[in-house]
Amino acid sequence: MNVVDILISIVVVTILVTIILAIVTYVAYKLRLAREPGRTEEDPSALRYFVRYEPPRPEQPAGSMATGGEPGAVGDADASTLERLDRDVADMETHAS
């Protein structure tokens, strides 16, 4: 055997192995599709794997402002939140130094 015959053999074997791998990959893909869960009949556009998270909305009557109807006024709940935030920032500053 000379060098040309060896190179031809390598190319032919490489092509055959590539075709075999392509067939195996296609069969594995079809098997994976067969295992995939089907869509429910109720809502075909529903998300299959994820559920949307909607954060809770604050309980406040419609049309009322925080205090006295003035826009931008700070209510009791907002004031306590701001005080707690100020305390947390002050604690962080003491720990940082």
PDB file of N, CA and C in Angstrom:
ATOM      1  N   MET A   1       0.843  -1.188   0.000  1.00  0.00           N
ATOM      2  CA  MET A   1       0.000   0.000   0.000  1.00  0.00           C
ATOM      3  C   MET A   1       0.883   1.243   0.000  1.00  0.00           C
ATOM      4  N   ASN A   2       0.515   2.145  -0.849  1.00  0.00           N
ATOM      5  CA  ASN A   2       1.263   3.390  -0.847  1.00  0.00           C
ATOM      6  C   ASN A   2       0.494   4.471  -0.067  1.00  0.00           C
ATOM      7  N   VAL A   3       1.009   5.651  -0.026  1.00  0.00           N
ATOM      8  CA  VAL A   3       0.454   6.736   0.787  1.00  0.00           C
ATOM      9  C   VAL A   3      -0.930   7.158   0.302  1.00  0.00           C
ATOM     10  N   VAL A   4      -1.138   7.149  -0.998  1.00  0.00           N
ATOM     11  CA  VAL A   4      -2.424   7.567  -1.562  1.00  0.00           C
ATOM     12  C   VAL A   4      -3.535   6.609  -1.121  1.00  0.00           C
ATOM     13  N   ASP A   5      -3.270   5.330  -1.133  1.00  0.00           N
ATOM     14  CA  ASP A   5      -4.269   4.343  -0.705  1.00  0.00           C
ATOM     15  C   ASP A   5      -4.623   4.513   0.776  1.00  0.00           C
ATOM     16  N   ILE A   6      -3.631   4.797   1.596  1.00  0.00           N
ATOM     17  CA  ILE A   6      -3.872   5.006   3.027  1.00  0.00           C
ATOM     18  C   ILE A   6      -4.735   6.250   3.245  1.00  0.00           C
ATOM     19  N   LEU A   7      -4.421   7.327   2.533  1.00  0.00           N
ATOM     20  CA  LEU A   7      -5.217   8.560   2.671  1.00  0.00           C
ATOM     21  C   LEU A   7      -6.648   8.360   2.183  1.00  0.00           C
ATOM     22  N   ILE A   8      -6.843   7.630   1.092  1.00  0.00           N
ATOM     23  CA  ILE A   8      -8.190   7.337   0.604  1.00  0.00           C
ATOM     24  C   ILE A   8      -8.958   6.507   1.631  1.00  0.00           C
ATOM     25  N   SER A   9      -8.310   5.554   2.244  1.00  0.00           N
ATOM     26  CA  SER A   9      -8.958   4.722   3.271  1.00  0.00           C
ATOM     27  C   SER A   9      -9.391   5.576   4.459  1.00  0.00           C
ATOM     28  N   ILE A  10      -8.526   6.492   4.880  1.00  0.00           N
ATOM     29  CA  ILE A  10      -8.855   7.372   6.010  1.00  0.00           C
ATOM     30  C   ILE A  10     -10.052   8.255   5.670  1.00  0.00           C
ATOM     31  N   VAL A  11     -10.106   8.803   4.462  1.00  0.00           N
ATOM     32  CA  VAL A  11     -11.213   9.665   4.055  1.00  0.00           C
ATOM     33  C   VAL A  11     -12.516   8.871   3.997  1.00  0.00           C
ATOM     34  N   VAL A  12     -12.487   7.686   3.431  1.00  0.00           N
ATOM     35  CA  VAL A  12     -13.693   6.857   3.330  1.00  0.00           C
ATOM     36  C   VAL A  12     -14.201   6.468   4.714  1.00  0.00           C
ATOM     37  N   VAL A  13     -13.308   6.063   5.595  1.00  0.00           N
ATOM     38  CA  VAL A  13     -13.721   5.696   6.961  1.00  0.00           C
ATOM     39  C   VAL A  13     -14.302   6.912   7.686  1.00  0.00           C
ATOM     40  N   THR A  14     -13.697   8.083   7.503  1.00  0.00           N
ATOM     41  CA  THR A  14     -14.200   9.302   8.142  1.00  0.00           C
ATOM     42  C   THR A  14     -15.602   9.646   7.649  1.00  0.00           C
ATOM     43  N   ILE A  15     -15.841   9.505   6.353  1.00  0.00           N
ATOM     44  CA  ILE A  15     -17.166   9.782   5.800  1.00  0.00           C
ATOM     45  C   ILE A  15     -18.192   8.792   6.348  1.00  0.00           C
ATOM     46  N   LEU A  16     -17.838   7.529   6.403  1.00  0.00           N
ATOM     47  CA  LEU A  16     -18.769   6.520   6.936  1.00  0.00           C
ATOM     48  C   LEU A  16     -19.091   6.764   8.411  1.00  0.00           C
ATOM     49  N   VAL A  17     -18.091   7.108   9.195  1.00  0.00           N
ATOM     50  CA  VAL A  17     -18.313   7.386  10.614  1.00  0.00           C
ATOM     51  C   VAL A  17     -19.196   8.624  10.772  1.00  0.00           C
ATOM     52  N   THR A  18     -19.000   9.633   9.942  1.00  0.00           N
ATOM     53  CA  THR A  18     -19.825  10.840  10.002  1.00  0.00           C
ATOM     54  C   THR A  18     -21.281  10.522   9.684  1.00  0.00           C
ATOM     55  N   ILE A  19     -21.512   9.706   8.673  1.00  0.00           N
ATOM     56  CA  ILE A  19     -22.888   9.330   8.320  1.00  0.00           C
ATOM     57  C   ILE A  19     -23.530   8.529   9.444  1.00  0.00           C
ATOM     58  N   ILE A  20     -22.788   7.612  10.044  1.00  0.00           N
ATOM     59  CA  ILE A  20     -23.324   6.812  11.159  1.00  0.00           C
ATOM     60  C   ILE A  20     -23.658   7.710  12.343  1.00  0.00           C
ATOM     61  N   LEU A  21     -22.787   8.658  12.661  1.00  0.00           N
ATOM     62  CA  LEU A  21     -23.070   9.585  13.764  1.00  0.00           C
ATOM     63  C   LEU A  21     -24.289  10.455  13.469  1.00  0.00           C
ATOM     64  N   ALA A  22     -24.465  10.849  12.217  1.00  0.00           N
ATOM     65  CA  ALA A  22     -25.634  11.641  11.853  1.00  0.00           C
ATOM     66  C   ALA A  22     -26.913  10.840  12.056  1.00  0.00           C
ATOM     67  N   ILE A  23     -26.901   9.589  11.686  1.00  0.00           N
ATOM     68  CA  ILE A  23     -28.083   8.737  11.859  1.00  0.00           C
ATOM     69  C   ILE A  23     -28.375   8.527  13.333  1.00  0.00           C
ATOM     70  N   VAL A  24     -27.362   8.265  14.136  1.00  0.00           N
ATOM     71  CA  VAL A  24     -27.555   8.073  15.580  1.00  0.00           C
ATOM     72  C   VAL A  24     -28.091   9.348  16.224  1.00  0.00           C
ATOM     73  N   THR A  25     -27.568  10.490  15.818  1.00  0.00           N
ATOM     74  CA  THR A  25     -28.031  11.763  16.371  1.00  0.00           C
ATOM     75  C   THR A  25     -29.483  12.016  16.009  1.00  0.00           C
ATOM     76  N   TYR A  26     -29.877  11.714  14.783  1.00  0.00           N
ATOM     77  CA  TYR A  26     -31.258  11.902  14.353  1.00  0.00           C
ATOM     78  C   TYR A  26     -32.201  10.997  15.143  1.00  0.00           C
ATOM     79  N   VAL A  27     -31.814   9.764  15.357  1.00  0.00           N
ATOM     80  CA  VAL A  27     -32.645   8.839  16.140  1.00  0.00           C
ATOM     81  C   VAL A  27     -32.769   9.332  17.576  1.00  0.00           C
ATOM     82  N   ALA A  28     -31.672   9.821  18.160  1.00  0.00           N
ATOM     83  CA  ALA A  28     -31.727  10.341  19.526  1.00  0.00           C
ATOM     84  C   ALA A  28     -32.634  11.564  19.593  1.00  0.00           C
ATOM     85  N   TYR A  29     -32.603  12.416  18.575  1.00  0.00           N
ATOM     86  CA  TYR A  29     -33.474  13.594  18.523  1.00  0.00           C
ATOM     87  C   TYR A  29     -34.943  13.179  18.471  1.00  0.00           C
ATOM     88  N   LYS A  30     -35.262  12.196  17.653  1.00  0.00           N
ATOM     89  CA  LYS A  30     -36.650  11.734  17.555  1.00  0.00           C
ATOM     90  C   LYS A  30     -37.112  11.096  18.862  1.00  0.00           C
ATOM     91  N   LEU A  31     -36.236  10.366  19.532  1.00  0.00           N
ATOM     92  CA  LEU A  31     -36.600   9.765  20.823  1.00  0.00           C
ATOM     93  C   LEU A  31     -36.846  10.855  21.867  1.00  0.00           C
ATOM     94  N   ARG A  32     -36.055  11.911  21.823  1.00  0.00           N
ATOM     95  CA  ARG A  32     -36.243  13.016  22.755  1.00  0.00           C
ATOM     96  C   ARG A  32     -37.568  13.720  22.500  1.00  0.00           C
ATOM     97  N   LEU A  33     -37.923  13.906  21.247  1.00  0.00           N
ATOM     98  CA  LEU A  33     -39.212  14.522  20.932  1.00  0.00           C
ATOM     99  C   LEU A  33     -40.371  13.665  21.410  1.00  0.00           C
ATOM    100  N   ALA A  34     -40.217  12.352  21.358  1.00  0.00           N
ATOM    101  CA  ALA A  34     -41.278  11.455  21.805  1.00  0.00           C
ATOM    102  C   ALA A  34     -41.476  11.551  23.315  1.00  0.00           C
ATOM    103  N   ARG A  35     -40.441  11.866  24.065  1.00  0.00           N
ATOM    104  CA  ARG A  35     -40.550  11.966  25.528  1.00  0.00           C
ATOM    105  C   ARG A  35     -41.054  13.318  25.988  1.00  0.00           C
ATOM    106  N   GLU A  36     -41.081  14.329  25.113  1.00  0.00           N
ATOM    107  CA  GLU A  36     -41.482  15.680  25.484  1.00  0.00           C
ATOM    108  C   GLU A  36     -42.963  15.706  25.872  1.00  0.00           C
ATOM    109  N   PRO A  37     -43.297  16.401  26.968  1.00  0.00           N
ATOM    110  CA  PRO A  37     -44.703  16.444  27.377  1.00  0.00           C
ATOM    111  C   PRO A  37     -45.534  17.214  26.363  1.00  0.00           C
ATOM    112  N   GLY A  38     -46.752  16.746  26.136  1.00  0.00           N
ATOM    113  CA  GLY A  38     -47.635  17.393  25.178  1.00  0.00           C
ATOM    114  C   GLY A  38     -48.348  18.586  25.792  1.00  0.00           C
ATOM    115  N   ARG A  39     -48.867  19.422  24.939  1.00  0.00           N
ATOM    116  CA  ARG A  39     -49.627  20.587  25.406  1.00  0.00           C
ATOM    117  C   ARG A  39     -50.979  20.128  25.926  1.00  0.00           C
ATOM    118  N   THR A  40     -51.465  20.836  26.918  1.00  0.00           N
ATOM    119  CA  THR A  40     -52.774  20.503  27.457  1.00  0.00           C
ATOM    120  C   THR A  40     -53.852  21.008  26.510  1.00  0.00           C
ATOM    121  N   GLU A  41     -54.991  20.374  26.539  1.00  0.00           N
ATOM    122  CA  GLU A  41     -56.091  20.751  25.670  1.00  0.00           C
ATOM    123  C   GLU A  41     -56.752  22.045  26.143  1.00  0.00           C
ATOM    124  N   GLU A  42     -56.610  22.359  27.439  1.00  0.00           N
ATOM    125  CA  GLU A  42     -57.287  23.533  27.987  1.00  0.00           C
ATOM    126  C   GLU A  42     -56.753  24.827  27.408  1.00  0.00           C
ATOM    127  N   ASP A  43     -55.448  25.009  27.472  1.00  0.00           N
ATOM    128  CA  ASP A  43     -54.850  26.262  27.026  1.00  0.00           C
ATOM    129  C   ASP A  43     -53.566  25.958  26.248  1.00  0.00           C
ATOM    130  N   PRO A  44     -53.635  25.868  24.922  1.00  0.00           N
ATOM    131  CA  PRO A  44     -52.441  25.492  24.155  1.00  0.00           C
ATOM    132  C   PRO A  44     -51.351  26.551  24.157  1.00  0.00           C
ATOM    133  N   SER A  45     -51.687  27.799  24.506  1.00  0.00           N
ATOM    134  CA  SER A  45     -50.655  28.833  24.507  1.00  0.00           C
ATOM    135  C   SER A  45     -50.008  29.014  25.879  1.00  0.00           C
ATOM    136  N   ALA A  46     -50.382  28.212  26.852  1.00  0.00           N
ATOM    137  CA  ALA A  46     -49.844  28.348  28.208  1.00  0.00           C
ATOM    138  C   ALA A  46     -48.377  27.942  28.247  1.00  0.00           C
ATOM    139  N   LEU A  47     -47.643  28.543  29.175  1.00  0.00           N
ATOM    140  CA  LEU A  47     -46.239  28.195  29.344  1.00  0.00           C
ATOM    141  C   LEU A  47     -46.143  26.797  29.945  1.00  0.00           C
ATOM    142  N   ARG A  48     -45.234  26.004  29.416  1.00  0.00           N
ATOM    143  CA  ARG A  48     -45.119  24.636  29.897  1.00  0.00           C
ATOM    144  C   ARG A  48     -44.289  24.514  31.166  1.00  0.00           C
ATOM    145  N   TYR A  49     -43.173  25.196  31.194  1.00  0.00           N
ATOM    146  CA  TYR A  49     -42.210  24.945  32.256  1.00  0.00           C
ATOM    147  C   TYR A  49     -42.110  26.073  33.267  1.00  0.00           C
ATOM    148  N   PHE A  50     -42.523  27.284  32.913  1.00  0.00           N
ATOM    149  CA  PHE A  50     -42.348  28.421  33.792  1.00  0.00           C
ATOM    150  C   PHE A  50     -43.700  28.993  34.179  1.00  0.00           C
ATOM    151  N   VAL A  51     -43.774  29.504  35.389  1.00  0.00           N
ATOM    152  CA  VAL A  51     -44.974  30.164  35.869  1.00  0.00           C
ATOM    153  C   VAL A  51     -44.613  31.614  36.121  1.00  0.00           C
ATOM    154  N   ARG A  52     -45.408  32.528  35.589  1.00  0.00           N
ATOM    155  CA  ARG A  52     -45.117  33.942  35.779  1.00  0.00           C
ATOM    156  C   ARG A  52     -45.303  34.319  37.248  1.00  0.00           C
ATOM    157  N   TYR A  53     -44.387  35.136  37.744  1.00  0.00           N
ATOM    158  CA  TYR A  53     -44.473  35.635  39.112  1.00  0.00           C
ATOM    159  C   TYR A  53     -44.910  37.083  39.061  1.00  0.00           C
ATOM    160  N   GLU A  54     -46.020  37.371  39.712  1.00  0.00           N
ATOM    161  CA  GLU A  54     -46.480  38.743  39.830  1.00  0.00           C
ATOM    162  C   GLU A  54     -46.382  39.130  41.298  1.00  0.00           C
ATOM    163  N   PRO A  55     -45.563  40.122  41.612  1.00  0.00           N
ATOM    164  CA  PRO A  55     -45.395  40.507  43.015  1.00  0.00           C
ATOM    165  C   PRO A  55     -46.711  41.031  43.571  1.00  0.00           C
ATOM    166  N   PRO A  56     -46.908  40.849  44.871  1.00  0.00           N
ATOM    167  CA  PRO A  56     -48.152  41.328  45.480  1.00  0.00           C
ATOM    168  C   PRO A  56     -48.239  42.841  45.412  1.00  0.00           C
ATOM    169  N   ARG A  57     -49.438  43.340  45.187  1.00  0.00           N
ATOM    170  CA  ARG A  57     -49.658  44.778  45.132  1.00  0.00           C
ATOM    171  C   ARG A  57     -50.016  45.270  46.526  1.00  0.00           C
ATOM    172  N   PRO A  58     -49.601  46.504  46.855  1.00  0.00           N
ATOM    173  CA  PRO A  58     -49.938  47.025  48.184  1.00  0.00           C
ATOM    174  C   PRO A  58     -51.447  47.222  48.308  1.00  0.00           C
ATOM    175  N   GLU A  59     -51.947  46.918  49.475  1.00  0.00           N
ATOM    176  CA  GLU A  59     -53.379  47.048  49.756  1.00  0.00           C
ATOM    177  C   GLU A  59     -53.678  48.513  50.047  1.00  0.00           C
ATOM    178  N   GLN A  60     -54.283  49.199  49.090  1.00  0.00           N
ATOM    179  CA  GLN A  60     -54.624  50.606  49.272  1.00  0.00           C
ATOM    180  C   GLN A  60     -55.943  50.851  48.548  1.00  0.00           C
ATOM    181  N   PRO A  61     -56.895  51.514  49.195  1.00  0.00           N
ATOM    182  CA  PRO A  61     -58.169  51.756  48.531  1.00  0.00           C
ATOM    183  C   PRO A  61     -57.971  52.590  47.271  1.00  0.00           C
ATOM    184  N   ALA A  62     -58.797  52.331  46.269  1.00  0.00           N
ATOM    185  CA  ALA A  62     -58.667  53.037  45.000  1.00  0.00           C
ATOM    186  C   ALA A  62     -59.019  54.503  45.179  1.00  0.00           C
ATOM    187  N   GLY A  63     -58.204  55.387  44.602  1.00  0.00           N
ATOM    188  CA  GLY A  63     -58.482  56.811  44.621  1.00  0.00           C
ATOM    189  C   GLY A  63     -58.008  57.543  45.853  1.00  0.00           C
ATOM    190  N   SER A  64     -57.480  56.858  46.860  1.00  0.00           N
ATOM    191  CA  SER A  64     -57.030  57.566  48.060  1.00  0.00           C
ATOM    192  C   SER A  64     -55.533  57.783  48.003  1.00  0.00           C
ATOM    193  N   MET A  65     -55.085  58.892  48.565  1.00  0.00           N
ATOM    194  CA  MET A  65     -53.665  59.189  48.636  1.00  0.00           C
ATOM    195  C   MET A  65     -53.159  58.730  50.000  1.00  0.00           C
ATOM    196  N   ALA A  66     -51.853  58.831  50.204  1.00  0.00           N
ATOM    197  CA  ALA A  66     -51.266  58.357  51.453  1.00  0.00           C
ATOM    198  C   ALA A  66     -51.787  59.157  52.643  1.00  0.00           C
ATOM    199  N   THR A  67     -51.786  60.475  52.555  1.00  0.00           N
ATOM    200  CA  THR A  67     -52.336  61.289  53.639  1.00  0.00           C
ATOM    201  C   THR A  67     -53.062  62.480  53.054  1.00  0.00           C
ATOM    202  N   GLY A  68     -54.273  62.676  53.461  1.00  0.00           N
ATOM    203  CA  GLY A  68     -55.003  63.891  53.153  1.00  0.00           C
ATOM    204  C   GLY A  68     -55.207  64.200  51.681  1.00  0.00           C
ATOM    205  N   GLY A  69     -54.901  63.307  50.763  1.00  0.00           N
ATOM    206  CA  GLY A  69     -55.149  63.547  49.362  1.00  0.00           C
ATOM    207  C   GLY A  69     -54.082  64.361  48.653  1.00  0.00           C
ATOM    208  N   GLU A  70     -53.004  64.715  49.327  1.00  0.00           N
ATOM    209  CA  GLU A  70     -51.937  65.485  48.676  1.00  0.00           C
ATOM    210  C   GLU A  70     -50.989  64.547  47.956  1.00  0.00           C
ATOM    211  N   PRO A  71     -50.713  64.811  46.682  1.00  0.00           N
ATOM    212  CA  PRO A  71     -49.716  63.975  46.009  1.00  0.00           C
ATOM    213  C   PRO A  71     -48.323  64.236  46.580  1.00  0.00           C
ATOM    214  N   GLY A  72     -47.581  63.182  46.752  1.00  0.00           N
ATOM    215  CA  GLY A  72     -46.223  63.319  47.263  1.00  0.00           C
ATOM    216  C   GLY A  72     -46.143  63.343  48.777  1.00  0.00           C
ATOM    217  N   ALA A  73     -47.265  63.313  49.470  1.00  0.00           N
ATOM    218  CA  ALA A  73     -47.241  63.312  50.931  1.00  0.00           C
ATOM    219  C   ALA A  73     -46.791  61.940  51.423  1.00  0.00           C
ATOM    220  N   VAL A  74     -46.102  61.906  52.546  1.00  0.00           N
ATOM    221  CA  VAL A  74     -45.585  60.669  53.090  1.00  0.00           C
ATOM    222  C   VAL A  74     -46.546  60.171  54.158  1.00  0.00           C
ATOM    223  N   GLY A  75     -47.076  58.960  53.985  1.00  0.00           N
ATOM    224  CA  GLY A  75     -48.004  58.376  54.946  1.00  0.00           C
ATOM    225  C   GLY A  75     -47.278  57.673  56.069  1.00  0.00           C
ATOM    226  N   ASP A  76     -48.050  57.087  56.988  1.00  0.00           N
ATOM    227  CA  ASP A  76     -47.457  56.388  58.131  1.00  0.00           C
ATOM    228  C   ASP A  76     -46.644  55.181  57.684  1.00  0.00           C
ATOM    229  N   ALA A  77     -47.192  54.391  56.740  1.00  0.00           N
ATOM    230  CA  ALA A  77     -46.464  53.203  56.281  1.00  0.00           C
ATOM    231  C   ALA A  77     -45.189  53.615  55.561  1.00  0.00           C
ATOM    232  N   ASP A  78     -45.268  54.678  54.754  1.00  0.00           N
ATOM    233  CA  ASP A  78     -44.075  55.132  54.040  1.00  0.00           C
ATOM    234  C   ASP A  78     -43.040  55.692  55.010  1.00  0.00           C
ATOM    235  N   ALA A  79     -43.494  56.400  56.056  1.00  0.00           N
ATOM    236  CA  ALA A  79     -42.569  56.975  57.027  1.00  0.00           C
ATOM    237  C   ALA A  79     -41.825  55.873  57.779  1.00  0.00           C
ATOM    238  N   SER A  80     -42.550  54.812  58.175  1.00  0.00           N
ATOM    239  CA  SER A  80     -41.880  53.736  58.904  1.00  0.00           C
ATOM    240  C   SER A  80     -40.891  53.009  57.987  1.00  0.00           C
ATOM    241  N   THR A  81     -41.236  52.896  56.722  1.00  0.00           N
ATOM    242  CA  THR A  81     -40.314  52.267  55.779  1.00  0.00           C
ATOM    243  C   THR A  81     -39.060  53.110  55.614  1.00  0.00           C
ATOM    244  N   LEU A  82     -39.229  54.423  55.520  1.00  0.00           N
ATOM    245  CA  LEU A  82     -38.071  55.308  55.390  1.00  0.00           C
ATOM    246  C   LEU A  82     -37.206  55.279  56.647  1.00  0.00           C
ATOM    247  N   GLU A  83     -37.836  55.236  57.821  1.00  0.00           N
ATOM    248  CA  GLU A  83     -37.069  55.169  59.064  1.00  0.00           C
ATOM    249  C   GLU A  83     -36.264  53.875  59.121  1.00  0.00           C
ATOM    250  N   ARG A  84     -36.901  52.770  58.722  1.00  0.00           N
ATOM    251  CA  ARG A  84     -36.197  51.485  58.736  1.00  0.00           C
ATOM    252  C   ARG A  84     -35.034  51.505  57.749  1.00  0.00           C
ATOM    253  N   LEU A  85     -35.244  52.131  56.594  1.00  0.00           N
ATOM    254  CA  LEU A  85     -34.176  52.245  55.607  1.00  0.00           C
ATOM    255  C   LEU A  85     -33.028  53.098  56.143  1.00  0.00           C
ATOM    256  N   ASP A  86     -33.362  54.194  56.814  1.00  0.00           N
ATOM    257  CA  ASP A  86     -32.323  55.039  57.407  1.00  0.00           C
ATOM    258  C   ASP A  86     -31.519  54.270  58.446  1.00  0.00           C
ATOM    259  N   ARG A  87     -32.206  53.476  59.272  1.00  0.00           N
ATOM    260  CA  ARG A  87     -31.509  52.666  60.272  1.00  0.00           C
ATOM    261  C   ARG A  87     -30.570  51.664  59.607  1.00  0.00           C
ATOM    262  N   ASP A  88     -31.058  51.012  58.544  1.00  0.00           N
ATOM    263  CA  ASP A  88     -30.231  50.017  57.854  1.00  0.00           C
ATOM    264  C   ASP A  88     -28.995  50.658  57.241  1.00  0.00           C
ATOM    265  N   VAL A  89     -29.163  51.829  56.647  1.00  0.00           N
ATOM    266  CA  VAL A  89     -28.011  52.532  56.050  1.00  0.00           C
ATOM    267  C   VAL A  89     -27.029  52.939  57.145  1.00  0.00           C
ATOM    268  N   ALA A  90     -27.549  53.400  58.267  1.00  0.00           N
ATOM    269  CA  ALA A  90     -26.662  53.787  59.368  1.00  0.00           C
ATOM    270  C   ALA A  90     -25.897  52.556  59.896  1.00  0.00           C
ATOM    271  N   ASP A  91     -26.573  51.416  59.986  1.00  0.00           N
ATOM    272  CA  ASP A  91     -25.904  50.195  60.429  1.00  0.00           C
ATOM    273  C   ASP A  91     -24.811  49.765  59.437  1.00  0.00           C
ATOM    274  N   MET A  92     -25.108  49.933  58.156  1.00  0.00           N
ATOM    275  CA  MET A  92     -24.099  49.575  57.147  1.00  0.00           C
ATOM    276  C   MET A  92     -22.887  50.480  57.243  1.00  0.00           C
ATOM    277  N   GLU A  93     -23.095  51.764  57.528  1.00  0.00           N
ATOM    278  CA  GLU A  93     -21.980  52.678  57.628  1.00  0.00           C
ATOM    279  C   GLU A  93     -21.109  52.359  58.848  1.00  0.00           C
ATOM    280  N   THR A  94     -21.733  51.925  59.946  1.00  0.00           N
ATOM    281  CA  THR A  94     -20.946  51.590  61.121  1.00  0.00           C
ATOM    282  C   THR A  94     -20.152  50.302  60.898  1.00  0.00           C
ATOM    283  N   HIS A  95     -20.734  49.368  60.132  1.00  0.00           N
ATOM    284  CA  HIS A  95     -20.007  48.123  59.865  1.00  0.00           C
ATOM    285  C   HIS A  95     -18.913  48.325  58.837  1.00  0.00           C
ATOM    286  N   ALA A  96     -19.068  49.297  57.964  1.00  0.00           N
ATOM    287  CA  ALA A  96     -18.076  49.518  56.906  1.00  0.00           C
ATOM    288  C   ALA A  96     -16.798  50.160  57.474  1.00  0.00           C
ATOM    289  N   SER A  97     -16.923  50.922  58.530  1.00  0.00           N
ATOM    290  CA  SER A  97     -15.729  51.611  59.051  1.00  0.00           C
ATOM    291  C   SER A  97     -15.000  50.825  60.099  1.00  0.00           C
TER     292      SER A  97
END
